[in-house]
Amino acid sequence: MDFKRNYTYVYRDGAGARKRYGIFSPGIDRFLLVDYEDIWATLQTAEILSAKLPTMVFILSPVSKDINNDNCLEYTIFNKTKIRVSNSPMVVSRQHPDVNFLTEKDLITYAGISEDYNTSEGQAMLQQLKDYANFVHDMVCALNITEIVYNSREVANFSSSYLKKSWANQFTTIADRSSLENGIFAELRHILYMSSTIKEAEERIVDVWKNNSADQPHIMTGFYSMLKCKVPDELLSVANMKPEKISIGIF
């Protein structure tokens, strides 16, 4: 990797060691999730979880080896006095998680379960939140890859990002094959944002696929393929309605 560019330090340190990314919750003073691959997916996950509690994203130094995604609920940042939070307006500040670097000098330390939640009920609530964070992160990663690989008709975001508005207004642009105003992917991310439990989110996701299946079953089957999950039984009839033969065995 060419370290002439500062952005490379988001991904690796000066010795080339891979960095990881953590979602930290100031409200519980612990990390909720540690990601090993994708800072953008981590930020999206933090944004979605902000419906439940304020979140921050930290780029972790490779020397922070003890913390991982299994034990992160027991780890915190030793000295938080130097960590700055942006000056976003109050109305949107909790929905805009900050992204910060943690250097080798910023010690991540084992602290056990937060004293505020160190009861059977509190620990159960934290574990439910942790499980939902893992679930959301899996969904976000799968949705992002599905959108890239299978959504061949995505022109709305392209036109808004790269074309002049006067040009784009001359065309009818769609987000995907669905009849949803903002597209199926925006709807699924909205479900993750609004749901309170994994069960609720899974049921609502199935309902969206079931009720917006026209001309896009291959996107649905691609999504479950990215998760290495079977298509739910309720959606098998939709999966068999493929409008075209597109392989989902890309990995």
C-alpha atoms as a PDB file:
ATOM      1  CA  MET A   1       0.000   0.000   0.000  1.00  0.00           C
ATOM      2  CA  ASP A   2       1.273   3.487  -0.896  1.00  0.00           C
ATOM      3  CA  PHE A   3       1.593   5.443   2.351  1.00  0.00           C
ATOM      4  CA  LYS A   4       2.147   8.717   0.515  1.00  0.00           C
ATOM      5  CA  ARG A   5      -1.570   9.324   1.000  1.00  0.00           C
ATOM      6  CA  ASN A   6      -2.922   9.915   4.492  1.00  0.00           C
ATOM      7  CA  TYR A   7      -6.166   8.092   3.785  1.00  0.00           C
ATOM      8  CA  THR A   8      -4.250   4.806   3.775  1.00  0.00           C
ATOM      9  CA  TYR A   9      -3.874   5.082   7.560  1.00  0.00           C
ATOM     10  CA  VAL A  10      -7.609   4.462   7.845  1.00  0.00           C
ATOM     11  CA  TYR A  11      -6.896   0.922   6.667  1.00  0.00           C
ATOM     12  CA  ARG A  12      -3.361   0.095   7.869  1.00  0.00           C
ATOM     13  CA  ASP A  13      -0.725   1.455  10.209  1.00  0.00           C
ATOM     14  CA  GLY A  14       2.747   2.552   9.134  1.00  0.00           C
ATOM     15  CA  ALA A  15       4.042  -1.010   9.359  1.00  0.00           C
ATOM     16  CA  GLY A  16       1.259  -2.296   7.105  1.00  0.00           C
ATOM     17  CA  ALA A  17      -0.777  -4.000   9.855  1.00  0.00           C
ATOM     18  CA  ARG A  18      -4.510  -4.109   9.161  1.00  0.00           C
ATOM     19  CA  LYS A  19      -6.705  -1.873  11.291  1.00  0.00           C
ATOM     20  CA  ARG A  20     -10.110  -2.730  12.698  1.00  0.00           C
ATOM     21  CA  TYR A  21     -13.151  -0.574  13.397  1.00  0.00           C
ATOM     22  CA  GLY A  22     -15.176  -0.357  16.584  1.00  0.00           C
ATOM     23  CA  ILE A  23     -18.625   1.005  17.394  1.00  0.00           C
ATOM     24  CA  PHE A  24     -18.572   2.648  20.817  1.00  0.00           C
ATOM     25  CA  SER A  25     -21.601   3.699  22.847  1.00  0.00           C
ATOM     26  CA  PRO A  26     -20.968   6.613  25.234  1.00  0.00           C
ATOM     27  CA  GLY A  27     -24.217   5.778  27.021  1.00  0.00           C
ATOM     28  CA  ILE A  28     -22.950   2.411  28.226  1.00  0.00           C
ATOM     29  CA  ASP A  29     -19.254   3.352  28.048  1.00  0.00           C
ATOM     30  CA  ARG A  30     -18.416   0.161  26.150  1.00  0.00           C
ATOM     31  CA  PHE A  31     -17.832  -1.045  22.608  1.00  0.00           C
ATOM     32  CA  LEU A  32     -20.784  -2.694  20.884  1.00  0.00           C
ATOM     33  CA  LEU A  33     -19.090  -4.148  17.833  1.00  0.00           C
ATOM     34  CA  VAL A  34     -15.664  -4.703  16.291  1.00  0.00           C
ATOM     35  CA  ASP A  35     -15.427  -5.012  12.509  1.00  0.00           C
ATOM     36  CA  TYR A  36     -12.473  -6.506  10.665  1.00  0.00           C
ATOM     37  CA  GLU A  37     -13.149  -5.452   7.080  1.00  0.00           C
ATOM     38  CA  ASP A  38     -15.158  -2.372   6.171  1.00  0.00           C
ATOM     39  CA  ILE A  39     -15.217   1.081   7.778  1.00  0.00           C
ATOM     40  CA  TRP A  40     -18.111   2.207   5.573  1.00  0.00           C
ATOM     41  CA  ALA A  41     -20.326  -0.701   6.614  1.00  0.00           C
ATOM     42  CA  THR A  42     -19.328  -0.045  10.235  1.00  0.00           C
ATOM     43  CA  LEU A  43     -20.407   3.580   9.927  1.00  0.00           C
ATOM     44  CA  GLN A  44     -23.722   2.555   8.338  1.00  0.00           C
ATOM     45  CA  THR A  45     -24.305   0.115  11.183  1.00  0.00           C
ATOM     46  CA  ALA A  46     -23.570   2.839  13.727  1.00  0.00           C
ATOM     47  CA  GLU A  47     -26.047   5.151  11.971  1.00  0.00           C
ATOM     48  CA  ILE A  48     -28.764   2.501  12.075  1.00  0.00           C
ATOM     49  CA  LEU A  49     -28.079   1.725  15.747  1.00  0.00           C
ATOM     50  CA  SER A  50     -28.324   5.437  16.564  1.00  0.00           C
ATOM     51  CA  ALA A  51     -32.091   4.930  16.646  1.00  0.00           C
ATOM     52  CA  LYS A  52     -31.489   2.975  19.856  1.00  0.00           C
ATOM     53  CA  LEU A  53     -28.608   4.905  21.486  1.00  0.00           C
ATOM     54  CA  PRO A  54     -25.832   7.353  20.557  1.00  0.00           C
ATOM     55  CA  THR A  55     -22.893   5.715  18.800  1.00  0.00           C
ATOM     56  CA  MET A  56     -19.370   6.599  17.696  1.00  0.00           C
ATOM     57  CA  VAL A  57     -17.004   4.829  15.306  1.00  0.00           C
ATOM     58  CA  PHE A  58     -13.334   4.395  16.189  1.00  0.00           C
ATOM     59  CA  ILE A  59     -10.519   3.320  13.911  1.00  0.00           C
ATOM     60  CA  LEU A  60      -8.599   0.989  16.192  1.00  0.00           C
ATOM     61  CA  SER A  61      -4.842   0.706  16.368  1.00  0.00           C
ATOM     62  CA  PRO A  62      -3.516  -2.785  15.528  1.00  0.00           C
ATOM     63  CA  VAL A  63      -1.869  -2.870  18.982  1.00  0.00           C
ATOM     64  CA  SER A  64      -5.347  -3.174  20.537  1.00  0.00           C
ATOM     65  CA  LYS A  65      -5.233  -6.948  20.194  1.00  0.00           C
ATOM     66  CA  ASP A  66      -7.209  -8.037  23.252  1.00  0.00           C
ATOM     67  CA  ILE A  67     -10.545  -6.580  22.189  1.00  0.00           C
ATOM     68  CA  ASN A  68     -12.586  -8.472  19.613  1.00  0.00           C
ATOM     69  CA  ASN A  69     -16.194  -8.730  18.535  1.00  0.00           C
ATOM     70  CA  ASP A  70     -16.940 -11.435  21.101  1.00  0.00           C
ATOM     71  CA  ASN A  71     -15.699  -9.589  24.187  1.00  0.00           C
ATOM     72  CA  CYS A  72     -16.056  -5.905  23.229  1.00  0.00           C
ATOM     73  CA  LEU A  73     -18.933  -5.286  25.680  1.00  0.00           C
ATOM     74  CA  GLU A  74     -16.327  -5.576  28.422  1.00  0.00           C
ATOM     75  CA  TYR A  75     -13.862  -3.050  26.951  1.00  0.00           C
ATOM     76  CA  THR A  76     -13.767   0.732  27.114  1.00  0.00           C
ATOM     77  CA  ILE A  77     -11.438   3.641  26.320  1.00  0.00           C
ATOM     78  CA  PHE A  78      -9.208   4.388  29.303  1.00  0.00           C
ATOM     79  CA  ASN A  79      -8.858   8.160  28.795  1.00  0.00           C
ATOM     80  CA  LYS A  80     -11.847   9.838  27.154  1.00  0.00           C
ATOM     81  CA  THR A  81     -10.928  13.414  28.065  1.00  0.00           C
ATOM     82  CA  LYS A  82      -9.152  14.041  24.759  1.00  0.00           C
ATOM     83  CA  ILE A  83     -11.863  12.602  22.509  1.00  0.00           C
ATOM     84  CA  ARG A  84     -13.822  15.303  20.746  1.00  0.00           C
ATOM     85  CA  VAL A  85     -17.429  15.114  19.570  1.00  0.00           C
ATOM     86  CA  SER A  86     -18.477  17.191  16.570  1.00  0.00           C
ATOM     87  CA  ASN A  87     -20.682  20.265  16.784  1.00  0.00           C
ATOM     88  CA  SER A  88     -23.698  18.810  14.996  1.00  0.00           C
ATOM     89  CA  PRO A  89     -27.062  20.392  15.872  1.00  0.00           C
ATOM     90  CA  MET A  90     -28.819  18.545  18.698  1.00  0.00           C
ATOM     91  CA  VAL A  91     -31.699  17.491  16.428  1.00  0.00           C
ATOM     92  CA  VAL A  92     -29.375  15.316  14.290  1.00  0.00           C
ATOM     93  CA  SER A  93     -26.238  14.828  16.398  1.00  0.00           C
ATOM     94  CA  ARG A  94     -27.128  11.347  17.636  1.00  0.00           C
ATOM     95  CA  GLN A  95     -27.929  10.209  14.072  1.00  0.00           C
ATOM     96  CA  HIS A  96     -24.500  11.344  12.845  1.00  0.00           C
ATOM     97  CA  PRO A  97     -21.929   9.141  14.568  1.00  0.00           C
ATOM     98  CA  ASP A  98     -18.470  10.671  14.713  1.00  0.00           C
ATOM     99  CA  VAL A  99     -15.496   8.788  13.284  1.00  0.00           C
ATOM    100  CA  ASN A 100     -12.268   9.079  15.279  1.00  0.00           C
ATOM    101  CA  PHE A 101      -8.799   7.537  15.296  1.00  0.00           C
ATOM    102  CA  LEU A 102      -7.457   5.708  18.324  1.00  0.00           C
ATOM    103  CA  THR A 103      -3.658   5.677  18.339  1.00  0.00           C
ATOM    104  CA  GLU A 104      -1.272   3.377  20.173  1.00  0.00           C
ATOM    105  CA  LYS A 105      -1.331   5.848  23.088  1.00  0.00           C
ATOM    106  CA  ASP A 106      -5.136   5.692  23.389  1.00  0.00           C
ATOM    107  CA  LEU A 107      -5.454   2.700  25.665  1.00  0.00           C
ATOM    108  CA  ILE A 108      -8.398   0.336  25.232  1.00  0.00           C
ATOM    109  CA  THR A 109      -8.789  -1.403  28.549  1.00  0.00           C
ATOM    110  CA  TYR A 110     -10.758  -4.288  30.016  1.00  0.00           C
ATOM    111  CA  ALA A 111     -13.398  -2.978  32.420  1.00  0.00           C
ATOM    112  CA  GLY A 112     -15.929  -5.802  32.638  1.00  0.00           C
ATOM    113  CA  ILE A 113     -19.655  -5.241  32.328  1.00  0.00           C
ATOM    114  CA  SER A 114     -20.691  -1.648  33.018  1.00  0.00           C
ATOM    115  CA  GLU A 115     -21.777  -1.216  36.644  1.00  0.00           C
ATOM    116  CA  ASP A 116     -24.990   0.434  35.451  1.00  0.00           C
ATOM    117  CA  TYR A 117     -25.979  -2.833  33.750  1.00  0.00           C
ATOM    118  CA  ASN A 118     -24.384  -5.388  36.083  1.00  0.00           C
ATOM    119  CA  THR A 119     -27.617  -7.145  36.999  1.00  0.00           C
ATOM    120  CA  SER A 120     -29.200 -10.146  35.326  1.00  0.00           C
ATOM    121  CA  GLU A 121     -31.764  -7.883  33.655  1.00  0.00           C
ATOM    122  CA  GLY A 122     -29.166  -5.317  32.644  1.00  0.00           C
ATOM    123  CA  GLN A 123     -26.808  -7.914  31.206  1.00  0.00           C
ATOM    124  CA  ALA A 124     -29.680  -9.490  29.262  1.00  0.00           C
ATOM    125  CA  MET A 125     -30.561  -6.089  27.810  1.00  0.00           C
ATOM    126  CA  LEU A 126     -26.938  -5.448  26.821  1.00  0.00           C
ATOM    127  CA  GLN A 127     -26.683  -8.874  25.181  1.00  0.00           C
ATOM    128  CA  GLN A 128     -29.884  -8.239  23.218  1.00  0.00           C
ATOM    129  CA  LEU A 129     -28.443  -4.937  22.034  1.00  0.00           C
ATOM    130  CA  LYS A 130     -25.159  -6.619  21.129  1.00  0.00           C
ATOM    131  CA  ASP A 131     -26.949  -9.383  19.204  1.00  0.00           C
ATOM    132  CA  TYR A 132     -28.957  -6.800  17.312  1.00  0.00           C
ATOM    133  CA  ALA A 133     -25.774  -4.860  16.478  1.00  0.00           C
ATOM    134  CA  ASN A 134     -24.210  -8.024  15.020  1.00  0.00           C
ATOM    135  CA  PHE A 135     -27.390  -8.767  13.086  1.00  0.00           C
ATOM    136  CA  VAL A 136     -27.588  -5.240  11.647  1.00  0.00           C
ATOM    137  CA  HIS A 137     -23.938  -5.366  10.609  1.00  0.00           C
ATOM    138  CA  ASP A 138     -24.476  -8.666   8.783  1.00  0.00           C
ATOM    139  CA  MET A 139     -27.515  -7.204   7.021  1.00  0.00           C
ATOM    140  CA  VAL A 140     -25.691  -4.004   6.068  1.00  0.00           C
ATOM    141  CA  CYS A 141     -22.749  -5.885   4.561  1.00  0.00           C
ATOM    142  CA  ALA A 142     -25.061  -8.234   2.641  1.00  0.00           C
ATOM    143  CA  LEU A 143     -27.235  -5.372   1.381  1.00  0.00           C
ATOM    144  CA  ASN A 144     -24.224  -3.386   0.185  1.00  0.00           C
ATOM    145  CA  ILE A 145     -22.765  -6.286  -1.802  1.00  0.00           C
ATOM    146  CA  THR A 146     -26.174  -7.301  -3.148  1.00  0.00           C
ATOM    147  CA  GLU A 147     -26.776  -3.760  -4.351  1.00  0.00           C
ATOM    148  CA  ILE A 148     -23.427  -3.669  -6.136  1.00  0.00           C
ATOM    149  CA  VAL A 149     -23.663  -7.102  -7.757  1.00  0.00           C
ATOM    150  CA  TYR A 150     -27.346  -7.612  -8.485  1.00  0.00           C
ATOM    151  CA  ASN A 151     -28.961  -4.196  -8.840  1.00  0.00           C
ATOM    152  CA  SER A 152     -28.203  -3.573 -12.511  1.00  0.00           C
ATOM    153  CA  ARG A 153     -30.957  -0.981 -12.903  1.00  0.00           C
ATOM    154  CA  GLU A 154     -29.725   1.459 -10.280  1.00  0.00           C
ATOM    155  CA  VAL A 155     -29.670   4.855 -11.975  1.00  0.00           C
ATOM    156  CA  ALA A 156     -31.218   7.205  -9.419  1.00  0.00           C
ATOM    157  CA  ASN A 157     -28.152   7.441  -7.183  1.00  0.00           C
ATOM    158  CA  PHE A 158     -25.840   7.525 -10.186  1.00  0.00           C
ATOM    159  CA  SER A 159     -27.646  10.441 -11.798  1.00  0.00           C
ATOM    160  CA  SER A 160     -27.924  12.406  -8.541  1.00  0.00           C
ATOM    161  CA  SER A 161     -24.221  11.867  -7.813  1.00  0.00           C
ATOM    162  CA  TYR A 162     -22.656  12.514 -11.219  1.00  0.00           C
ATOM    163  CA  LEU A 163     -25.075  14.303 -13.524  1.00  0.00           C
ATOM    164  CA  LYS A 164     -26.263  17.869 -13.490  1.00  0.00           C
ATOM    165  CA  LYS A 165     -29.742  18.180 -12.046  1.00  0.00           C
ATOM    166  CA  SER A 166     -31.002  19.783 -15.265  1.00  0.00           C
ATOM    167  CA  TRP A 167     -29.859  16.700 -17.194  1.00  0.00           C
ATOM    168  CA  ALA A 168     -31.174  14.160 -14.703  1.00  0.00           C
ATOM    169  CA  ASN A 169     -34.612  15.802 -14.657  1.00  0.00           C
ATOM    170  CA  GLN A 170     -35.041  14.925 -18.323  1.00  0.00           C
ATOM    171  CA  PHE A 171     -35.062  11.206 -17.514  1.00  0.00           C
ATOM    172  CA  THR A 172     -37.101   8.871 -15.373  1.00  0.00           C
ATOM    173  CA  THR A 173     -34.685   7.393 -12.862  1.00  0.00           C
ATOM    174  CA  ILE A 174     -35.350   4.472 -10.555  1.00  0.00           C
ATOM    175  CA  ALA A 175     -33.456   3.129  -7.555  1.00  0.00           C
ATOM    176  CA  ASP A 176     -34.085  -0.517  -8.492  1.00  0.00           C
ATOM    177  CA  ARG A 177     -36.684  -2.871  -9.970  1.00  0.00           C
ATOM    178  CA  SER A 178     -39.135  -2.508  -7.099  1.00  0.00           C
ATOM    179  CA  SER A 179     -42.159  -0.227  -7.052  1.00  0.00           C
ATOM    180  CA  LEU A 180     -41.024   1.378  -3.793  1.00  0.00           C
ATOM    181  CA  GLU A 181     -40.416   5.114  -3.994  1.00  0.00           C
ATOM    182  CA  ASN A 182     -36.840   4.946  -2.689  1.00  0.00           C
ATOM    183  CA  GLY A 183     -36.132   1.367  -3.711  1.00  0.00           C
ATOM    184  CA  ILE A 184     -35.971  -1.950  -1.917  1.00  0.00           C
ATOM    185  CA  PHE A 185     -32.542  -1.338  -0.383  1.00  0.00           C
ATOM    186  CA  ALA A 186     -33.564   1.922   1.263  1.00  0.00           C
ATOM    187  CA  GLU A 187     -36.684   0.204   2.587  1.00  0.00           C
ATOM    188  CA  LEU A 188     -34.707  -2.666   4.090  1.00  0.00           C
ATOM    189  CA  ARG A 189     -32.261  -0.276   5.780  1.00  0.00           C
ATOM    190  CA  HIS A 190     -35.231   1.666   7.147  1.00  0.00           C
ATOM    191  CA  ILE A 191     -36.582  -1.569   8.639  1.00  0.00           C
ATOM    192  CA  LEU A 192     -33.275  -2.173  10.406  1.00  0.00           C
ATOM    193  CA  TYR A 193     -33.364   1.384  11.737  1.00  0.00           C
ATOM    194  CA  MET A 194     -36.920   1.144  13.045  1.00  0.00           C
ATOM    195  CA  SER A 195     -37.006  -2.435  14.377  1.00  0.00           C
ATOM    196  CA  SER A 196     -36.341  -3.252  18.018  1.00  0.00           C
ATOM    197  CA  THR A 197     -35.496  -6.960  17.781  1.00  0.00           C
ATOM    198  CA  ILE A 198     -34.000  -9.411  15.319  1.00  0.00           C
ATOM    199  CA  LYS A 199     -37.320 -11.262  15.064  1.00  0.00           C
ATOM    200  CA  GLU A 200     -39.209  -8.077  14.236  1.00  0.00           C
ATOM    201  CA  ALA A 201     -36.666  -7.079  11.591  1.00  0.00           C
ATOM    202  CA  GLU A 202     -36.621 -10.533   9.967  1.00  0.00           C
ATOM    203  CA  GLU A 203     -40.411 -10.651   9.758  1.00  0.00           C
ATOM    204  CA  ARG A 204     -40.608  -7.163   8.258  1.00  0.00           C
ATOM    205  CA  ILE A 205     -37.861  -7.967   5.754  1.00  0.00           C
ATOM    206  CA  VAL A 206     -39.776 -11.054   4.597  1.00  0.00           C
ATOM    207  CA  ASP A 207     -42.946  -8.963   4.209  1.00  0.00           C
ATOM    208  CA  VAL A 208     -41.135  -6.404   2.048  1.00  0.00           C
ATOM    209  CA  TRP A 209     -39.718  -9.056  -0.281  1.00  0.00           C
ATOM    210  CA  LYS A 210     -43.091 -10.796  -0.446  1.00  0.00           C
ATOM    211  CA  ASN A 211     -45.028  -7.645  -1.312  1.00  0.00           C
ATOM    212  CA  ASN A 212     -42.502  -6.116  -3.735  1.00  0.00           C
ATOM    213  CA  SER A 213     -41.374  -9.098  -5.737  1.00  0.00           C
ATOM    214  CA  ALA A 214     -42.175  -7.901  -9.247  1.00  0.00           C
ATOM    215  CA  ASP A 215     -39.208  -8.368 -11.594  1.00  0.00           C
ATOM    216  CA  GLN A 216     -36.628  -8.614  -8.822  1.00  0.00           C
ATOM    217  CA  PRO A 217     -36.558 -12.127  -7.301  1.00  0.00           C
ATOM    218  CA  HIS A 218     -32.916 -12.511  -8.330  1.00  0.00           C
ATOM    219  CA  ILE A 219     -32.058  -9.532  -6.069  1.00  0.00           C
ATOM    220  CA  MET A 220     -33.800 -11.269  -3.183  1.00  0.00           C
ATOM    221  CA  THR A 221     -32.071 -14.601  -3.788  1.00  0.00           C
ATOM    222  CA  GLY A 222     -28.775 -12.738  -4.191  1.00  0.00           C
ATOM    223  CA  PHE A 223     -29.295 -11.095  -0.810  1.00  0.00           C
ATOM    224  CA  TYR A 224     -29.790 -14.414   0.981  1.00  0.00           C
ATOM    225  CA  SER A 225     -26.863 -15.876  -0.939  1.00  0.00           C
ATOM    226  CA  MET A 226     -24.608 -13.125   0.439  1.00  0.00           C
ATOM    227  CA  LEU A 227     -25.720 -14.170   3.926  1.00  0.00           C
ATOM    228  CA  LYS A 228     -25.177 -17.881   3.107  1.00  0.00           C
ATOM    229  CA  CYS A 229     -28.762 -18.424   4.264  1.00  0.00           C
ATOM    230  CA  LYS A 230     -31.606 -20.391   2.773  1.00  0.00           C
ATOM    231  CA  VAL A 231     -34.413 -18.333   1.307  1.00  0.00           C
ATOM    232  CA  PRO A 232     -37.203 -18.362   3.951  1.00  0.00           C
ATOM    233  CA  ASP A 233     -40.010 -20.817   3.204  1.00  0.00           C
ATOM    234  CA  GLU A 234     -42.482 -17.938   2.906  1.00  0.00           C
ATOM    235  CA  LEU A 235     -40.467 -16.572  -0.025  1.00  0.00           C
ATOM    236  CA  LEU A 236     -39.832 -19.758  -2.005  1.00  0.00           C
ATOM    237  CA  SER A 237     -42.689 -19.011  -4.387  1.00  0.00           C
ATOM    238  CA  VAL A 238     -41.194 -15.574  -5.000  1.00  0.00           C
ATOM    239  CA  ALA A 239     -37.744 -17.047  -5.597  1.00  0.00           C
ATOM    240  CA  ASN A 240     -39.158 -19.301  -8.309  1.00  0.00           C
ATOM    241  CA  MET A 241     -40.539 -16.282 -10.192  1.00  0.00           C
ATOM    242  CA  LYS A 242     -37.104 -15.270 -11.515  1.00  0.00           C
ATOM    243  CA  PRO A 243     -37.564 -13.098 -14.606  1.00  0.00           C
ATOM    244  CA  GLU A 244     -34.118 -14.015 -15.903  1.00  0.00           C
ATOM    245  CA  LYS A 245     -31.446 -16.564 -15.154  1.00  0.00           C
ATOM    246  CA  ILE A 246     -28.739 -14.905 -13.096  1.00  0.00           C
ATOM    247  CA  SER A 247     -26.230 -16.971 -11.147  1.00  0.00           C
ATOM    248  CA  ILE A 248     -26.021 -16.226  -7.432  1.00  0.00           C
ATOM    249  CA  GLY A 249     -23.002 -18.449  -6.959  1.00  0.00           C
ATOM    250  CA  ILE A 250     -20.379 -15.742  -7.262  1.00  0.00           C
ATOM    251  CA  PHE A 251     -18.564 -16.649  -4.023  1.00  0.00           C
END
